[in-house]
Amino acid sequence: MKKCLRGRKKYLARWIALKIIDGNEKILGSIQKNLKINLQTKEIKENISQIEQILNNNGISKSEVKDKMISSIIFVAENVYKDSVEIENNKYNSRDRKIDKILTSKKFGIPIMILFLGIIFWITIVGANYPSELLSQLFGWMQEKFEYVLKICRTPVWLQSLLIDGVYKTLTWIIAVMLPPMAIFFPIFTILEDLGYLPRIAFNLDKYFRKAGSSRKTGTNHVHGIWLQ
């Protein structure tokens, strides 16, 4: 790889080699465009085939290689942080670590998450019933007034039906049904994110995202945030 790079850019050889193994077409395209190197040479393709053969023989998948790369970056970042930052109180995040051990543990992490989400959905559904009913009553009262005004104006029956049964009832029904749950659900989730629980949920579900074939980018970013705290 160093043969393809000129001058001071040779320090990128290892990084480019790792990206070739990773196989991200978008990044590889940017490398070829910006560094003006050809990654489709016969020699590089043969080396890639050899590397893939070695990985297959050892039962290592590309996703495992990618996870290892990410872990290595995190560990290096942690070491740089430790060497360059001086902390007066080394136990400043001990409470967060204790919470992490419970909320992200293999034994309690998933059950606690299911319990929390169940409580949130219960509060959302049950709590939304009361404002939904009040809104329905309010819109029903307003409907009577609109119908009265339309009759006074001698509006044709077909137009009354279009305005009341078509436009008004549809719009007010959506507002009465959807607005209260959203007004309850999103603030609760915002509080959970501010408290740092949503990243822990992402950490607990990361393995399942991988099995489902999800890109896991959001979850991975949250997980990195936890480990770099």
Protein backbone atom coordinates (compact mmCIF):
# COMPACT_ATOMS: atom_id res chain seq x y z
CA MET A 1 0.00 0.00 0.00
CA LYS A 2 2.87 2.40 0.75
CA LYS A 3 3.99 2.04 -2.88
CA CYS A 4 0.71 3.66 -4.01
CA LEU A 5 1.14 6.70 -1.73
CA ARG A 6 3.53 9.57 -2.18
CA GLY A 7 5.55 11.59 0.28
CA ARG A 8 3.94 12.45 3.60
CA LYS A 9 0.72 10.56 2.75
CA LYS A 10 2.42 7.21 3.35
CA TYR A 11 1.29 7.32 6.99
CA LEU A 12 -2.24 6.61 5.65
CA ALA A 13 -1.20 3.18 4.34
CA ARG A 14 -2.37 1.24 7.41
CA TRP A 15 -5.68 3.11 7.61
CA ILE A 16 -6.39 2.53 3.90
CA ALA A 17 -5.54 -1.15 4.27
CA LEU A 18 -8.04 -1.45 7.11
CA LYS A 19 -10.70 0.31 5.03
CA ILE A 20 -10.07 -2.09 2.16
CA ILE A 21 -10.64 -5.01 4.54
CA ASP A 22 -13.77 -3.24 5.86
CA GLY A 23 -15.05 -2.99 2.29
CA ASN A 24 -17.05 0.25 2.60
CA GLU A 25 -17.53 1.21 -1.05
CA LYS A 26 -18.28 4.87 -0.29
CA ILE A 27 -15.08 5.37 1.72
CA LEU A 28 -13.01 3.43 -0.81
CA GLY A 29 -14.41 5.61 -3.61
CA SER A 30 -13.44 8.75 -1.68
CA ILE A 31 -9.93 7.38 -1.09
CA GLN A 32 -9.42 6.72 -4.80
CA LYS A 33 -10.82 10.11 -5.78
CA ASN A 34 -9.01 12.30 -3.23
CA LEU A 35 -5.68 10.45 -3.01
CA LYS A 36 -5.68 9.56 -6.72
CA ILE A 37 -4.74 5.94 -6.20
CA ASN A 38 -6.08 2.80 -7.84
CA LEU A 39 -7.39 0.21 -5.39
CA GLN A 40 -8.48 -2.16 -8.15
CA THR A 41 -5.02 -3.41 -9.10
CA LYS A 42 -4.39 -7.12 -9.47
CA GLU A 43 -1.93 -7.13 -6.56
CA ILE A 44 -4.42 -5.49 -4.15
CA LYS A 45 -7.22 -7.83 -5.22
CA GLU A 46 -4.99 -10.86 -4.64
CA ASN A 47 -4.05 -9.58 -1.18
CA ILE A 48 -7.72 -9.00 -0.34
CA SER A 49 -8.55 -12.55 -1.42
CA GLN A 50 -5.78 -13.91 0.80
CA ILE A 51 -6.99 -11.87 3.77
CA GLU A 52 -10.59 -13.01 3.27
CA GLN A 53 -9.39 -16.61 3.06
CA ILE A 54 -7.47 -16.24 6.34
CA LEU A 55 -10.52 -14.70 8.04
CA ASN A 56 -12.82 -17.46 6.75
CA ASN A 57 -10.40 -20.18 7.87
CA ASN A 58 -10.43 -18.69 11.38
CA GLY A 59 -14.21 -18.24 11.43
CA ILE A 60 -14.01 -14.43 11.58
CA SER A 61 -16.73 -12.44 9.82
CA LYS A 62 -16.40 -8.92 8.40
CA SER A 63 -18.74 -7.56 11.08
CA GLU A 64 -16.43 -8.95 13.77
CA VAL A 65 -13.46 -7.27 12.10
CA LYS A 66 -15.37 -3.97 12.01
CA ASP A 67 -16.29 -4.32 15.70
CA LYS A 68 -12.65 -5.00 16.53
CA MET A 69 -11.57 -1.88 14.63
CA ILE A 70 -14.10 0.24 16.50
CA SER A 71 -13.02 -1.24 19.85
CA SER A 72 -9.37 -0.52 19.04
CA ILE A 73 -10.19 3.11 18.20
CA ILE A 74 -12.04 3.46 21.51
CA PHE A 75 -9.17 1.95 23.50
CA VAL A 76 -6.63 4.21 21.78
CA ALA A 77 -8.85 7.24 22.45
CA GLU A 78 -9.12 6.23 26.11
CA ASN A 79 -5.33 5.91 26.38
CA VAL A 80 -4.81 9.31 24.75
CA TYR A 81 -7.37 10.77 27.14
CA LYS A 82 -5.66 9.24 30.17
CA ASP A 83 -2.23 10.51 29.06
CA SER A 84 -3.38 14.05 28.30
CA VAL A 85 -6.09 14.77 30.91
CA GLU A 86 -5.49 15.10 34.62
CA ILE A 87 -8.49 14.48 36.89
CA GLU A 88 -8.50 15.65 40.48
CA ASN A 89 -11.33 13.33 41.51
CA ASN A 90 -10.91 9.91 39.88
CA LYS A 91 -14.25 8.76 41.26
CA TYR A 92 -16.24 11.49 39.55
CA ASN A 93 -18.23 8.98 37.46
CA SER A 94 -18.33 6.08 39.93
CA ARG A 95 -22.08 6.53 40.39
CA ASP A 96 -22.65 6.32 36.60
CA ARG A 97 -20.52 3.18 36.44
CA LYS A 98 -22.59 1.56 39.19
CA ILE A 99 -25.77 2.45 37.34
CA ASP A 100 -24.30 1.05 34.11
CA LYS A 101 -23.52 -2.25 35.80
CA ILE A 102 -27.21 -2.64 36.63
CA LEU A 103 -28.93 -1.11 33.58
CA THR A 104 -26.62 -2.73 31.01
CA SER A 105 -25.97 -6.02 32.76
CA LYS A 106 -26.79 -9.28 30.99
CA LYS A 107 -29.02 -10.37 33.85
CA PHE A 108 -30.99 -7.22 34.63
CA GLY A 109 -30.54 -4.96 31.58
CA ILE A 110 -33.28 -6.38 29.31
CA PRO A 111 -35.90 -6.97 32.08
CA ILE A 112 -35.43 -3.41 33.41
CA MET A 113 -35.71 -2.04 29.87
CA ILE A 114 -38.94 -3.98 29.21
CA LEU A 115 -40.34 -2.79 32.56
CA PHE A 116 -39.49 0.85 31.82
CA LEU A 117 -40.96 0.73 28.30
CA GLY A 118 -44.07 -1.05 29.58
CA ILE A 119 -44.62 1.66 32.21
CA ILE A 120 -44.10 4.39 29.60
CA PHE A 121 -46.59 2.83 27.19
CA TRP A 122 -49.09 2.29 30.00
CA ILE A 123 -48.80 5.91 31.13
CA THR A 124 -49.12 7.06 27.53
CA ILE A 125 -52.20 4.96 26.74
CA VAL A 126 -54.05 5.39 30.04
CA GLY A 127 -53.03 9.02 30.49
CA ALA A 128 -54.14 9.93 26.97
CA ASN A 129 -57.69 8.67 27.51
CA TYR A 130 -58.74 11.65 29.65
CA PRO A 131 -57.52 14.50 27.42
CA SER A 132 -58.76 12.59 24.35
CA GLU A 133 -62.23 12.39 25.86
CA LEU A 134 -62.19 16.09 26.77
CA LEU A 135 -61.07 17.05 23.26
CA SER A 136 -63.78 14.84 21.74
CA GLN A 137 -66.42 16.55 23.88
CA LEU A 138 -65.07 19.99 22.96
CA PHE A 139 -65.02 19.20 19.25
CA GLY A 140 -68.53 17.69 19.51
CA TRP A 141 -69.82 20.91 21.08
CA MET A 142 -68.09 22.98 18.38
CA GLN A 143 -69.59 20.69 15.69
CA GLU A 144 -73.11 21.52 16.87
CA LYS A 145 -72.33 25.24 16.59
CA PHE A 146 -70.91 24.84 13.08
CA GLU A 147 -73.92 22.83 11.96
CA TYR A 148 -76.21 25.52 13.36
CA VAL A 149 -74.32 28.26 11.49
CA LEU A 150 -74.43 26.29 8.23
CA LYS A 151 -78.18 25.73 8.56
CA ILE A 152 -78.76 29.44 9.19
CA CYS A 153 -76.74 30.21 6.08
CA ARG A 154 -78.91 27.66 4.18
CA THR A 155 -75.86 25.75 3.03
CA PRO A 156 -76.69 22.83 0.68
CA VAL A 157 -76.88 19.44 2.38
CA TRP A 158 -74.08 17.99 0.27
CA LEU A 159 -71.76 20.87 1.24
CA GLN A 160 -72.68 20.51 4.94
CA SER A 161 -71.84 16.81 4.74
CA LEU A 162 -68.53 17.58 3.00
CA LEU A 163 -67.49 20.21 5.53
CA ILE A 164 -68.74 18.53 8.72
CA ASP A 165 -68.57 14.77 8.05
CA GLY A 166 -65.62 14.97 5.70
CA VAL A 167 -63.24 17.74 6.74
CA TYR A 168 -64.19 18.68 10.30
CA LYS A 169 -64.80 15.22 11.80
CA THR A 170 -61.68 13.73 10.18
CA LEU A 171 -59.42 16.55 11.34
CA THR A 172 -60.79 16.71 14.90
CA TRP A 173 -60.75 12.91 15.27
CA ILE A 174 -57.05 12.80 14.35
CA ILE A 175 -56.26 15.62 16.78
CA ALA A 176 -58.28 14.08 19.64
CA VAL A 177 -56.74 10.63 19.15
CA MET A 178 -53.11 11.46 18.25
CA LEU A 179 -52.28 14.68 20.09
CA PRO A 180 -52.63 13.48 23.74
CA PRO A 181 -50.42 10.35 23.35
CA MET A 182 -47.75 12.38 21.53
CA ALA A 183 -47.91 15.11 24.19
CA ILE A 184 -47.21 12.46 26.86
CA PHE A 185 -44.88 10.03 25.06
CA PHE A 186 -42.30 12.42 23.58
CA PRO A 187 -41.64 14.45 26.76
CA ILE A 188 -41.12 11.23 28.72
CA PHE A 189 -38.65 9.96 26.12
CA THR A 190 -36.89 13.33 26.16
CA ILE A 191 -36.47 13.02 29.93
CA LEU A 192 -35.09 9.48 29.55
CA GLU A 193 -32.58 10.71 26.97
CA ASP A 194 -31.51 13.58 29.21
CA LEU A 195 -31.02 11.09 32.04
CA GLY A 196 -28.85 8.93 29.77
CA TYR A 197 -31.10 5.87 29.69
CA LEU A 198 -31.75 5.74 25.94
CA PRO A 199 -28.04 5.15 25.12
CA ARG A 200 -28.13 2.26 27.61
CA ILE A 201 -31.17 0.82 25.81
CA ALA A 202 -29.19 1.05 22.54
CA PHE A 203 -26.33 -0.79 24.23
CA ASN A 204 -28.66 -3.57 25.43
CA LEU A 205 -30.22 -3.98 21.97
CA ASP A 206 -27.01 -3.69 19.94
CA LYS A 207 -26.65 -7.47 19.60
CA TYR A 208 -30.26 -7.82 18.41
CA PHE A 209 -29.83 -4.96 15.93
CA ARG A 210 -26.88 -6.86 14.49
CA LYS A 211 -28.89 -10.09 14.15
CA ALA A 212 -31.73 -8.20 12.48
CA GLY A 213 -29.30 -6.78 9.92
CA SER A 214 -29.71 -3.18 11.11
CA SER A 215 -26.99 -0.67 10.30
CA ARG A 216 -26.68 -0.10 14.09
CA LYS A 217 -25.12 3.34 13.46
CA THR A 218 -27.31 5.11 15.99
CA GLY A 219 -26.88 2.40 18.59
CA THR A 220 -23.15 2.20 17.98
CA ASN A 221 -22.73 5.95 18.44
CA HIS A 222 -24.62 5.77 21.72
CA VAL A 223 -22.53 2.83 22.88
CA HIS A 224 -19.35 4.75 22.08
CA GLY A 225 -20.69 7.61 24.15
CA ILE A 226 -21.17 5.34 27.14
CA TRP A 227 -17.67 3.90 26.95
CA LEU A 228 -16.00 7.27 26.45
CA GLN A 229 -17.70 8.84 29.48
